[in-house]
């Protein structure tokens, strides 16, 4: 059984979040949590929270213990972009794009995959 968890409107670019997700995709949940704890990237904390949410969803909604779970899917899609402007030389302004992400992690049973 596949159990998802989502985090929407995370104020970090999807490219940076995907770099963290690539390191944990396919791992067991326990190994992924250990890996995220020692990862020195800002997105690791948010990804760890989403992973723990997916594990809690599996336990509460489907009675699946965390020892039986692996990360089946992990991806970050682009969310809405905040557009800001910065003053530049000679009275001009340039646009600053502040990107956001939608993070999704899906955990599944070992036996079914």
PDB file of N, CA and C in Angstrom:
ATOM      1  N   UNK A   1       0.839  -1.174   0.000  1.00  0.00           N
ATOM      2  CA  UNK A   1       0.000   0.000   0.000  1.00  0.00           C
ATOM      3  C   UNK A   1       0.887   1.242   0.000  1.00  0.00           C
ATOM      4  N   UNK A   2       0.526   2.211  -0.810  1.00  0.00           N
ATOM      5  CA  UNK A   2       1.284   3.451  -0.900  1.00  0.00           C
ATOM      6  C   UNK A   2       0.606   4.533  -0.069  1.00  0.00           C
ATOM      7  N   UNK A   3       1.408   5.238   0.736  1.00  0.00           N
ATOM      8  CA  UNK A   3       0.883   6.284   1.613  1.00  0.00           C
ATOM      9  C   UNK A   3       1.676   7.565   1.352  1.00  0.00           C
ATOM     10  N   UNK A   4       0.998   8.658   0.932  1.00  0.00           N
ATOM     11  CA  UNK A   4       1.717   9.902   0.619  1.00  0.00           C
ATOM     12  C   UNK A   4       1.705  10.908   1.764  1.00  0.00           C
ATOM     13  N   UNK A   5       2.596  11.887   1.650  1.00  0.00           N
ATOM     14  CA  UNK A   5       2.595  13.084   2.493  1.00  0.00           C
ATOM     15  C   UNK A   5       3.095  14.236   1.630  1.00  0.00           C
ATOM     16  N   UNK A   6       2.542  15.410   1.858  1.00  0.00           N
ATOM     17  CA  UNK A   6       2.862  16.577   1.042  1.00  0.00           C
ATOM     18  C   UNK A   6       3.265  17.761   1.918  1.00  0.00           C
ATOM     19  N   UNK A   7       4.124  18.603   1.379  1.00  0.00           N
ATOM     20  CA  UNK A   7       4.407  19.918   1.960  1.00  0.00           C
ATOM     21  C   UNK A   7       4.323  20.905   0.806  1.00  0.00           C
ATOM     22  N   UNK A   8       3.445  21.862   0.945  1.00  0.00           N
ATOM     23  CA  UNK A   8       3.215  22.806  -0.150  1.00  0.00           C
ATOM     24  C   UNK A   8       3.743  24.182   0.220  1.00  0.00           C
ATOM     25  N   UNK A   9       4.131  24.942  -0.791  1.00  0.00           N
ATOM     26  CA  UNK A   9       4.598  26.326  -0.653  1.00  0.00           C
ATOM     27  C   UNK A   9       5.835  26.432   0.237  1.00  0.00           C
ATOM     28  N   UNK A  10       6.753  25.487   0.099  1.00  0.00           N
ATOM     29  CA  UNK A  10       8.015  25.530   0.845  1.00  0.00           C
ATOM     30  C   UNK A  10       8.901  26.574   0.178  1.00  0.00           C
ATOM     31  N   UNK A  11       9.439  27.507   0.956  1.00  0.00           N
ATOM     32  CA  UNK A  11      10.195  28.630   0.388  1.00  0.00           C
ATOM     33  C   UNK A  11      11.637  28.234   0.084  1.00  0.00           C
ATOM     34  N   UNK A  12      11.784  27.306  -0.838  1.00  0.00           N
ATOM     35  CA  UNK A  12      13.093  26.922  -1.348  1.00  0.00           C
ATOM     36  C   UNK A  12      12.901  26.424  -2.767  1.00  0.00           C
ATOM     37  N   UNK A  13      13.899  26.641  -3.599  1.00  0.00           N
ATOM     38  CA  UNK A  13      13.742  26.280  -5.007  1.00  0.00           C
ATOM     39  C   UNK A  13      13.676  24.763  -5.168  1.00  0.00           C
ATOM     40  N   UNK A  14      12.884  24.295  -6.130  1.00  0.00           N
ATOM     41  CA  UNK A  14      12.738  22.856  -6.329  1.00  0.00           C
ATOM     42  C   UNK A  14      14.050  22.178  -6.707  1.00  0.00           C
ATOM     43  N   UNK A  15      14.938  22.878  -7.383  1.00  0.00           N
ATOM     44  CA  UNK A  15      16.215  22.287  -7.767  1.00  0.00           C
ATOM     45  C   UNK A  15      17.022  21.884  -6.542  1.00  0.00           C
ATOM     46  N   UNK A  16      17.043  22.729  -5.530  1.00  0.00           N
ATOM     47  CA  UNK A  16      17.801  22.437  -4.313  1.00  0.00           C
ATOM     48  C   UNK A  16      17.142  21.322  -3.510  1.00  0.00           C
ATOM     49  N   UNK A  17      15.813  21.280  -3.516  1.00  0.00           N
ATOM     50  CA  UNK A  17      15.108  20.224  -2.788  1.00  0.00           C
ATOM     51  C   UNK A  17      15.304  18.877  -3.486  1.00  0.00           C
ATOM     52  N   UNK A  18      15.301  18.877  -4.814  1.00  0.00           N
ATOM     53  CA  UNK A  18      15.487  17.625  -5.564  1.00  0.00           C
ATOM     54  C   UNK A  18      16.841  16.996  -5.290  1.00  0.00           C
ATOM     55  N   UNK A  19      17.859  17.810  -5.058  1.00  0.00           N
ATOM     56  CA  UNK A  19      19.186  17.272  -4.750  1.00  0.00           C
ATOM     57  C   UNK A  19      19.155  16.452  -3.465  1.00  0.00           C
ATOM     58  N   UNK A  20      18.370  16.873  -2.482  1.00  0.00           N
ATOM     59  CA  UNK A  20      18.240  16.126  -1.229  1.00  0.00           C
ATOM     60  C   UNK A  20      17.374  14.890  -1.439  1.00  0.00           C
ATOM     61  N   UNK A  21      16.290  15.024  -2.197  1.00  0.00           N
ATOM     62  CA  UNK A  21      15.392  13.897  -2.426  1.00  0.00           C
ATOM     63  C   UNK A  21      16.074  12.769  -3.186  1.00  0.00           C
ATOM     64  N   UNK A  22      17.001  13.110  -4.082  1.00  0.00           N
ATOM     65  CA  UNK A  22      17.706  12.084  -4.843  1.00  0.00           C
ATOM     66  C   UNK A  22      18.553  11.187  -3.954  1.00  0.00           C
ATOM     67  N   UNK A  23      18.999  11.699  -2.808  1.00  0.00           N
ATOM     68  CA  UNK A  23      19.847  10.900  -1.921  1.00  0.00           C
ATOM     69  C   UNK A  23      19.049   9.884  -1.111  1.00  0.00           C
ATOM     70  N   UNK A  24      17.744  10.106  -0.915  1.00  0.00           N
ATOM     71  CA  UNK A  24      16.962   9.208  -0.062  1.00  0.00           C
ATOM     72  C   UNK A  24      15.967   8.349  -0.833  1.00  0.00           C
ATOM     73  N   UNK A  25      15.748   8.617  -2.091  1.00  0.00           N
ATOM     74  CA  UNK A  25      14.775   7.851  -2.869  1.00  0.00           C
ATOM     75  C   UNK A  25      15.189   6.385  -2.950  1.00  0.00           C
ATOM     76  N   UNK A  26      14.261   5.481  -2.597  1.00  0.00           N
ATOM     77  CA  UNK A  26      14.521   4.053  -2.660  1.00  0.00           C
ATOM     78  C   UNK A  26      15.066   3.449  -1.375  1.00  0.00           C
ATOM     79  N   UNK A  27      15.431   4.264  -0.413  1.00  0.00           N
ATOM     80  CA  UNK A  27      15.968   3.762   0.854  1.00  0.00           C
ATOM     81  C   UNK A  27      14.835   3.344   1.785  1.00  0.00           C
ATOM     82  N   UNK A  28      15.185   2.541   2.791  1.00  0.00           N
ATOM     83  CA  UNK A  28      14.215   2.269   3.849  1.00  0.00           C
ATOM     84  C   UNK A  28      14.040   3.541   4.667  1.00  0.00           C
ATOM     85  N   UNK A  29      12.954   3.617   5.398  1.00  0.00           N
ATOM     86  CA  UNK A  29      12.633   4.834   6.135  1.00  0.00           C
ATOM     87  C   UNK A  29      13.682   5.115   7.207  1.00  0.00           C
ATOM     88  N   UNK A  30      14.121   4.082   7.917  1.00  0.00           N
ATOM     89  CA  UNK A  30      15.110   4.285   8.979  1.00  0.00           C
ATOM     90  C   UNK A  30      16.436   4.788   8.414  1.00  0.00           C
ATOM     91  N   UNK A  31      16.875   4.206   7.300  1.00  0.00           N
ATOM     92  CA  UNK A  31      18.121   4.658   6.671  1.00  0.00           C
ATOM     93  C   UNK A  31      17.999   6.088   6.153  1.00  0.00           C
ATOM     94  N   UNK A  32      16.828   6.430   5.625  1.00  0.00           N
ATOM     95  CA  UNK A  32      16.623   7.769   5.080  1.00  0.00           C
ATOM     96  C   UNK A  32      16.642   8.823   6.182  1.00  0.00           C
ATOM     97  N   UNK A  33      16.057   8.522   7.338  1.00  0.00           N
ATOM     98  CA  UNK A  33      16.046   9.483   8.442  1.00  0.00           C
ATOM     99  C   UNK A  33      17.458   9.718   8.959  1.00  0.00           C
ATOM    100  N   UNK A  34      18.254   8.660   9.040  1.00  0.00           N
ATOM    101  CA  UNK A  34      19.652   8.810   9.465  1.00  0.00           C
ATOM    102  C   UNK A  34      20.424   9.631   8.443  1.00  0.00           C
ATOM    103  N   UNK A  35      20.195   9.356   7.161  1.00  0.00           N
ATOM    104  CA  UNK A  35      20.888  10.088   6.099  1.00  0.00           C
ATOM    105  C   UNK A  35      20.520  11.569   6.116  1.00  0.00           C
ATOM    106  N   UNK A  36      19.246  11.867   6.342  1.00  0.00           N
ATOM    107  CA  UNK A  36      18.813  13.266   6.373  1.00  0.00           C
ATOM    108  C   UNK A  36      19.332  13.995   7.612  1.00  0.00           C
ATOM    109  N   UNK A  37      19.530  13.263   8.692  1.00  0.00           N
ATOM    110  CA  UNK A  37      20.018  13.900   9.918  1.00  0.00           C
ATOM    111  C   UNK A  37      21.445  14.413   9.757  1.00  0.00           C
ATOM    112  N   UNK A  38      22.238  13.750   8.923  1.00  0.00           N
ATOM    113  CA  UNK A  38      23.633  14.156   8.749  1.00  0.00           C
ATOM    114  C   UNK A  38      23.859  14.967   7.473  1.00  0.00           C
ATOM    115  N   UNK A  39      22.808  15.158   6.673  1.00  0.00           N
ATOM    116  CA  UNK A  39      22.929  15.946   5.448  1.00  0.00           C
ATOM    117  C   UNK A  39      23.014  17.425   5.801  1.00  0.00           C
ATOM    118  N   UNK A  40      23.997  18.102   5.220  1.00  0.00           N
ATOM    119  CA  UNK A  40      24.241  19.509   5.541  1.00  0.00           C
ATOM    120  C   UNK A  40      23.634  20.415   4.469  1.00  0.00           C
ATOM    121  N   UNK A  41      22.323  20.299   4.284  1.00  0.00           N
ATOM    122  CA  UNK A  41      21.603  21.161   3.350  1.00  0.00           C
ATOM    123  C   UNK A  41      20.345  21.649   4.035  1.00  0.00           C
ATOM    124  N   UNK A  42      19.912  22.845   3.691  1.00  0.00           N
ATOM    125  CA  UNK A  42      18.764  23.433   4.362  1.00  0.00           C
ATOM    126  C   UNK A  42      17.483  22.648   4.091  1.00  0.00           C
ATOM    127  N   UNK A  43      17.371  22.062   2.912  1.00  0.00           N
ATOM    128  CA  UNK A  43      16.154  21.333   2.551  1.00  0.00           C
ATOM    129  C   UNK A  43      16.010  20.026   3.321  1.00  0.00           C
ATOM    130  N   UNK A  44      17.085  19.533   3.925  1.00  0.00           N
ATOM    131  CA  UNK A  44      17.044  18.242   4.615  1.00  0.00           C
ATOM    132  C   UNK A  44      16.058  18.257   5.777  1.00  0.00           C
ATOM    133  N   UNK A  45      15.949  19.361   6.490  1.00  0.00           N
ATOM    134  CA  UNK A  45      15.017  19.443   7.614  1.00  0.00           C
ATOM    135  C   UNK A  45      13.571  19.328   7.145  1.00  0.00           C
ATOM    136  N   UNK A  46      13.227  20.022   6.073  1.00  0.00           N
ATOM    137  CA  UNK A  46      11.865  19.969   5.555  1.00  0.00           C
ATOM    138  C   UNK A  46      11.541  18.599   4.994  1.00  0.00           C
ATOM    139  N   UNK A  47      12.484  17.994   4.277  1.00  0.00           N
ATOM    140  CA  UNK A  47      12.268  16.664   3.717  1.00  0.00           C
ATOM    141  C   UNK A  47      12.092  15.648   4.846  1.00  0.00           C
ATOM    142  N   UNK A  48      12.859  15.799   5.918  1.00  0.00           N
ATOM    143  CA  UNK A  48      12.734  14.893   7.055  1.00  0.00           C
ATOM    144  C   UNK A  48      11.348  15.015   7.695  1.00  0.00           C
ATOM    145  N   UNK A  49      10.831  16.233   7.811  1.00  0.00           N
ATOM    146  CA  UNK A  49       9.496  16.425   8.377  1.00  0.00           C
ATOM    147  C   UNK A  49       8.425  15.779   7.504  1.00  0.00           C
ATOM    148  N   UNK A  50       8.548  15.919   6.186  1.00  0.00           N
ATOM    149  CA  UNK A  50       7.570  15.318   5.283  1.00  0.00           C
ATOM    150  C   UNK A  50       7.649  13.795   5.366  1.00  0.00           C
ATOM    151  N   UNK A  51       8.859  13.257   5.448  1.00  0.00           N
ATOM    152  CA  UNK A  51       9.031  11.806   5.569  1.00  0.00           C
ATOM    153  C   UNK A  51       8.407  11.295   6.864  1.00  0.00           C
ATOM    154  N   UNK A  52       8.645  11.996   7.969  1.00  0.00           N
ATOM    155  CA  UNK A  52       8.048  11.583   9.240  1.00  0.00           C
ATOM    156  C   UNK A  52       6.524  11.680   9.192  1.00  0.00           C
ATOM    157  N   UNK A  53       5.997  12.637   8.457  1.00  0.00           N
ATOM    158  CA  UNK A  53       4.554  12.750   8.283  1.00  0.00           C
ATOM    159  C   UNK A  53       4.002  11.559   7.492  1.00  0.00           C
ATOM    160  N   UNK A  54       4.719  11.139   6.454  1.00  0.00           N
ATOM    161  CA  UNK A  54       4.282   9.987   5.666  1.00  0.00           C
ATOM    162  C   UNK A  54       4.295   8.710   6.509  1.00  0.00           C
ATOM    163  N   UNK A  55       5.317   8.562   7.357  1.00  0.00           N
ATOM    164  CA  UNK A  55       5.394   7.395   8.236  1.00  0.00           C
ATOM    165  C   UNK A  55       4.243   7.422   9.241  1.00  0.00           C
ATOM    166  N   UNK A  56       3.944   8.598   9.780  1.00  0.00           N
ATOM    167  CA  UNK A  56       2.830   8.719  10.726  1.00  0.00           C
ATOM    168  C   UNK A  56       1.498   8.428  10.040  1.00  0.00           C
ATOM    169  N   UNK A  57       1.345   8.868   8.800  1.00  0.00           N
ATOM    170  CA  UNK A  57       0.120   8.561   8.052  1.00  0.00           C
ATOM    171  C   UNK A  57      -0.041   7.061   7.856  1.00  0.00           C
ATOM    172  N   UNK A  58       1.056   6.380   7.533  1.00  0.00           N
ATOM    173  CA  UNK A  58       0.995   4.934   7.324  1.00  0.00           C
ATOM    174  C   UNK A  58       0.631   4.209   8.613  1.00  0.00           C
ATOM    175  N   UNK A  59       1.186   4.647   9.728  1.00  0.00           N
ATOM    176  CA  UNK A  59       0.921   3.991  11.004  1.00  0.00           C
ATOM    177  C   UNK A  59      -0.510   4.258  11.477  1.00  0.00           C
ATOM    178  N   UNK A  60      -0.944   5.514  11.429  1.00  0.00           N
ATOM    179  CA  UNK A  60      -2.261   5.862  11.962  1.00  0.00           C
ATOM    180  C   UNK A  60      -3.410   5.410  11.064  1.00  0.00           C
ATOM    181  N   UNK A  61      -3.250   5.549   9.756  1.00  0.00           N
ATOM    182  CA  UNK A  61      -4.363   5.274   8.846  1.00  0.00           C
ATOM    183  C   UNK A  61      -4.409   3.832   8.361  1.00  0.00           C
ATOM    184  N   UNK A  62      -3.249   3.140   8.322  1.00  0.00           N
ATOM    185  CA  UNK A  62      -3.222   1.805   7.726  1.00  0.00           C
ATOM    186  C   UNK A  62      -2.543   0.770   8.619  1.00  0.00           C
ATOM    187  N   UNK A  63      -2.106   1.131   9.831  1.00  0.00           N
ATOM    188  CA  UNK A  63      -1.457   0.227  10.787  1.00  0.00           C
ATOM    189  C   UNK A  63      -0.234  -0.468  10.184  1.00  0.00           C
ATOM    190  N   UNK A  64       0.578   0.279   9.438  1.00  0.00           N
ATOM    191  CA  UNK A  64       1.813  -0.255   8.863  1.00  0.00           C
ATOM    192  C   UNK A  64       2.973   0.272   9.692  1.00  0.00           C
ATOM    193  N   UNK A  65       3.755  -0.599  10.334  1.00  0.00           N
ATOM    194  CA  UNK A  65       4.894  -0.109  11.136  1.00  0.00           C
ATOM    195  C   UNK A  65       5.998   0.449  10.246  1.00  0.00           C
ATOM    196  N   UNK A  66       6.809   1.335  10.795  1.00  0.00           N
ATOM    197  CA  UNK A  66       7.832   2.015  10.003  1.00  0.00           C
ATOM    198  C   UNK A  66       8.939   1.081   9.545  1.00  0.00           C
ATOM    199  N   UNK A  67       9.114  -0.064  10.220  1.00  0.00           N
ATOM    200  CA  UNK A  67      10.164  -1.002   9.815  1.00  0.00           C
ATOM    201  C   UNK A  67       9.887  -1.625   8.452  1.00  0.00           C
ATOM    202  N   UNK A  68       8.613  -1.662   8.037  1.00  0.00           N
ATOM    203  CA  UNK A  68       8.235  -2.296   6.771  1.00  0.00           C
ATOM    204  C   UNK A  68       8.198  -1.332   5.599  1.00  0.00           C
ATOM    205  N   UNK A  69       8.523  -0.055   5.815  1.00  0.00           N
ATOM    206  CA  UNK A  69       8.322   0.959   4.781  1.00  0.00           C
ATOM    207  C   UNK A  69       9.615   1.327   4.065  1.00  0.00           C
ATOM    208  N   UNK A  70       9.481   1.595   2.767  1.00  0.00           N
ATOM    209  CA  UNK A  70      10.561   2.173   1.970  1.00  0.00           C
ATOM    210  C   UNK A  70      10.006   3.409   1.264  1.00  0.00           C
ATOM    211  N   UNK A  71      10.895   4.265   0.785  1.00  0.00           N
ATOM    212  CA  UNK A  71      10.467   5.460   0.055  1.00  0.00           C
ATOM    213  C   UNK A  71      10.274   5.062  -1.407  1.00  0.00           C
ATOM    214  N   UNK A  72       9.021   4.956  -1.817  1.00  0.00           N
ATOM    215  CA  UNK A  72       8.708   4.541  -3.178  1.00  0.00           C
ATOM    216  C   UNK A  72       8.849   5.691  -4.161  1.00  0.00           C
ATOM    217  N   UNK A  73       8.372   6.873  -3.779  1.00  0.00           N
ATOM    218  CA  UNK A  73       8.438   8.050  -4.637  1.00  0.00           C
ATOM    219  C   UNK A  73       8.833   9.251  -3.793  1.00  0.00           C
ATOM    220  N   UNK A  74       9.614  10.127  -4.380  1.00  0.00           N
ATOM    221  CA  UNK A  74       9.989  11.381  -3.716  1.00  0.00           C
ATOM    222  C   UNK A  74      10.279  12.402  -4.807  1.00  0.00           C
ATOM    223  N   UNK A  75       9.487  13.454  -4.842  1.00  0.00           N
ATOM    224  CA  UNK A  75       9.699  14.463  -5.871  1.00  0.00           C
ATOM    225  C   UNK A  75       9.292  15.837  -5.362  1.00  0.00           C
ATOM    226  N   UNK A  76       9.833  16.858  -6.031  1.00  0.00           N
ATOM    227  CA  UNK A  76       9.530  18.248  -5.697  1.00  0.00           C
ATOM    228  C   UNK A  76       9.102  18.956  -6.973  1.00  0.00           C
ATOM    229  N   UNK A  77       7.880  19.441  -6.972  1.00  0.00           N
ATOM    230  CA  UNK A  77       7.369  20.207  -8.097  1.00  0.00           C
ATOM    231  C   UNK A  77       7.477  21.692  -7.793  1.00  0.00           C
ATOM    232  N   UNK A  78       7.392  22.489  -8.837  1.00  0.00           N
ATOM    233  CA  UNK A  78       7.508  23.934  -8.660  1.00  0.00           C
ATOM    234  C   UNK A  78       6.195  24.516  -8.183  1.00  0.00           C
ATOM    235  N   UNK A  79       6.277  25.348  -7.163  1.00  0.00           N
ATOM    236  CA  UNK A  79       5.112  26.051  -6.649  1.00  0.00           C
ATOM    237  C   UNK A  79       5.047  27.446  -7.231  1.00  0.00           C
ATOM    238  N   UNK A  80       4.202  28.299  -6.677  1.00  0.00           N
ATOM    239  CA  UNK A  80       4.129  29.669  -7.172  1.00  0.00           C
ATOM    240  C   UNK A  80       5.413  30.441  -6.894  1.00  0.00           C
ATOM    241  N   UNK A  81       5.753  31.318  -7.797  1.00  0.00           N
ATOM    242  CA  UNK A  81       6.970  32.109  -7.669  1.00  0.00           C
ATOM    243  C   UNK A  81       6.614  33.514  -7.208  1.00  0.00           C
ATOM    244  N   UNK A  82       7.294  33.960  -6.147  1.00  0.00           N
ATOM    245  CA  UNK A  82       7.117  35.328  -5.670  1.00  0.00           C
ATOM    246  C   UNK A  82       8.023  36.240  -6.491  1.00  0.00           C
ATOM    247  N   UNK A  83       7.457  37.313  -6.996  1.00  0.00           N
ATOM    248  CA  UNK A  83       8.234  38.217  -7.833  1.00  0.00           C
ATOM    249  C   UNK A  83       8.507  39.499  -7.065  1.00  0.00           C
ATOM    250  N   UNK A  84       9.777  39.827  -6.928  1.00  0.00           N
ATOM    251  CA  UNK A  84      10.206  41.025  -6.212  1.00  0.00           C
ATOM    252  C   UNK A  84      11.122  41.837  -7.131  1.00  0.00           C
ATOM    253  N   UNK A  85      11.339  43.102  -6.793  1.00  0.00           N
ATOM    254  CA  UNK A  85      12.187  43.955  -7.613  1.00  0.00           C
ATOM    255  C   UNK A  85      13.284  44.574  -6.771  1.00  0.00           C
ATOM    256  N   UNK A  86      14.460  44.712  -7.372  1.00  0.00           N
ATOM    257  CA  UNK A  86      15.614  45.290  -6.709  1.00  0.00           C
ATOM    258  C   UNK A  86      16.076  46.498  -7.515  1.00  0.00           C
ATOM    259  N   UNK A  87      16.308  47.612  -6.848  1.00  0.00           N
ATOM    260  CA  UNK A  87      16.788  48.792  -7.583  1.00  0.00           C
ATOM    261  C   UNK A  87      18.194  48.566  -8.130  1.00  0.00           C
ATOM    262  N   UNK A  88      18.430  49.093  -9.336  1.00  0.00           N
ATOM    263  CA  UNK A  88      19.730  48.954  -9.986  1.00  0.00           C
ATOM    264  C   UNK A  88      20.211  50.333 -10.437  1.00  0.00           C
ATOM    265  N   UNK A  89      21.300  50.339 -11.128  1.00  0.00           N
ATOM    266  CA  UNK A  89      21.911  51.600 -11.553  1.00  0.00           C
ATOM    267  C   UNK A  89      21.038  52.336 -12.570  1.00  0.00           C
ATOM    268  N   UNK A  90      21.184  53.662 -12.579  1.00  0.00           N
ATOM    269  CA  UNK A  90      20.542  54.551 -13.546  1.00  0.00           C
ATOM    270  C   UNK A  90      19.007  54.472 -13.480  1.00  0.00           C
ATOM    271  N   UNK A  91      18.462  54.251 -12.278  1.00  0.00           N
ATOM    272  CA  UNK A  91      17.019  54.292 -12.094  1.00  0.00           C
ATOM    273  C   UNK A  91      16.267  53.073 -12.566  1.00  0.00           C
ATOM    274  N   UNK A  92      16.969  52.025 -12.873  1.00  0.00           N
ATOM    275  CA  UNK A  92      16.314  50.816 -13.361  1.00  0.00           C
ATOM    276  C   UNK A  92      16.004  49.870 -12.204  1.00  0.00           C
ATOM    277  N   UNK A  93      15.273  48.805 -12.520  1.00  0.00           N
ATOM    278  CA  UNK A  93      14.965  47.771 -11.534  1.00  0.00           C
ATOM    279  C   UNK A  93      15.052  46.415 -12.220  1.00  0.00           C
ATOM    280  N   UNK A  94      15.523  45.414 -11.494  1.00  0.00           N
ATOM    281  CA  UNK A  94      15.563  44.057 -12.030  1.00  0.00           C
ATOM    282  C   UNK A  94      14.677  43.171 -11.177  1.00  0.00           C
ATOM    283  N   UNK A  95      14.148  42.157 -11.813  1.00  0.00           N
ATOM    284  CA  UNK A  95      13.231  41.254 -11.140  1.00  0.00           C
ATOM    285  C   UNK A  95      13.993  40.176 -10.384  1.00  0.00           C
ATOM    286  N   UNK A  96      13.565  39.894  -9.156  1.00  0.00           N
ATOM    287  CA  UNK A  96      14.114  38.813  -8.346  1.00  0.00           C
ATOM    288  C   UNK A  96      13.013  37.764  -8.220  1.00  0.00           C
ATOM    289  N   UNK A  97      13.313  36.518  -8.567  1.00  0.00           N
ATOM    290  CA  UNK A  97      12.336  35.431  -8.493  1.00  0.00           C
ATOM    291  C   UNK A  97      12.603  34.598  -7.245  1.00  0.00           C
ATOM    292  N   UNK A  98      11.643  34.556  -6.349  1.00  0.00           N
ATOM    293  CA  UNK A  98      11.761  33.756  -5.133  1.00  0.00           C
ATOM    294  C   UNK A  98      10.893  32.528  -5.325  1.00  0.00           C
ATOM    295  N   UNK A  99      11.534  31.410  -5.568  1.00  0.00           N
ATOM    296  CA  UNK A  99      10.826  30.196  -5.959  1.00  0.00           C
ATOM    297  C   UNK A  99      10.338  29.407  -4.748  1.00  0.00           C
ATOM    298  N   UNK A 100       9.239  28.659  -4.946  1.00  0.00           N
ATOM    299  CA  UNK A 100       8.708  27.788  -3.909  1.00  0.00           C
ATOM    300  C   UNK A 100       8.556  26.383  -4.469  1.00  0.00           C
ATOM    301  N   UNK A 101       8.395  25.417  -3.564  1.00  0.00           N
ATOM    302  CA  UNK A 101       8.321  24.005  -3.950  1.00  0.00           C
ATOM    303  C   UNK A 101       7.103  23.346  -3.327  1.00  0.00           C
ATOM    304  N   UNK A 102       6.629  22.310  -3.995  1.00  0.00           N
ATOM    305  CA  UNK A 102       5.647  21.379  -3.445  1.00  0.00           C
ATOM    306  C   UNK A 102       6.358  20.031  -3.329  1.00  0.00           C
ATOM    307  N   UNK A 103       6.587  19.566  -2.104  1.00  0.00           N
ATOM    308  CA  UNK A 103       7.335  18.329  -1.870  1.00  0.00           C
ATOM    309  C   UNK A 103       6.342  17.204  -1.611  1.00  0.00           C
ATOM    310  N   UNK A 104       6.540  16.057  -2.278  1.00  0.00           N
ATOM    311  CA  UNK A 104       5.709  14.881  -2.082  1.00  0.00           C
ATOM    312  C   UNK A 104       6.609  13.677  -1.835  1.00  0.00           C
ATOM    313  N   UNK A 105       6.298  12.934  -0.769  1.00  0.00           N
ATOM    314  CA  UNK A 105       7.002  11.681  -0.471  1.00  0.00           C
ATOM    315  C   UNK A 105       5.960  10.600  -0.303  1.00  0.00           C
ATOM    316  N   UNK A 106       6.147   9.472  -0.997  1.00  0.00           N
ATOM    317  CA  UNK A 106       5.241   8.337  -0.925  1.00  0.00           C
ATOM    318  C   UNK A 106       6.019   7.156  -0.369  1.00  0.00           C
ATOM    319  N   UNK A 107       5.523   6.591   0.740  1.00  0.00           N
ATOM    320  CA  UNK A 107       6.145   5.405   1.319  1.00  0.00           C
ATOM    321  C   UNK A 107       5.256   4.199   1.001  1.00  0.00           C
ATOM    322  N   UNK A 108       5.896   3.029   0.891  1.00  0.00           N
ATOM    323  CA  UNK A 108       5.174   1.808   0.545  1.00  0.00           C
ATOM    324  C   UNK A 108       5.734   0.627   1.317  1.00  0.00           C
ATOM    325  N   UNK A 109       4.966  -0.452   1.332  1.00  0.00           N
ATOM    326  CA  UNK A 109       5.416  -1.695   1.980  1.00  0.00           C
ATOM    327  C   UNK A 109       6.589  -2.288   1.222  1.00  0.00           C
ATOM    328  N   UNK A 110       7.449  -3.002   1.932  1.00  0.00           N
ATOM    329  CA  UNK A 110       8.543  -3.743   1.279  1.00  0.00           C
ATOM    330  C   UNK A 110       7.998  -4.859   0.413  1.00  0.00           C
ATOM    331  N   UNK A 111       6.967  -5.565   0.892  1.00  0.00           N
ATOM    332  CA  UNK A 111       6.504  -6.776   0.231  1.00  0.00           C
ATOM    333  C   UNK A 111       5.839  -6.502  -1.115  1.00  0.00           C
ATOM    334  N   UNK A 112       5.174  -5.350  -1.257  1.00  0.00           N
ATOM    335  CA  UNK A 112       4.418  -5.095  -2.474  1.00  0.00           C
ATOM    336  C   UNK A 112       5.263  -4.604  -3.631  1.00  0.00           C
ATOM    337  N   UNK A 113       6.444  -4.032  -3.355  1.00  0.00           N
ATOM    338  CA  UNK A 113       7.248  -3.463  -4.448  1.00  0.00           C
ATOM    339  C   UNK A 113       8.241  -4.434  -5.002  1.00  0.00           C
TER     340      UNK A 113
END
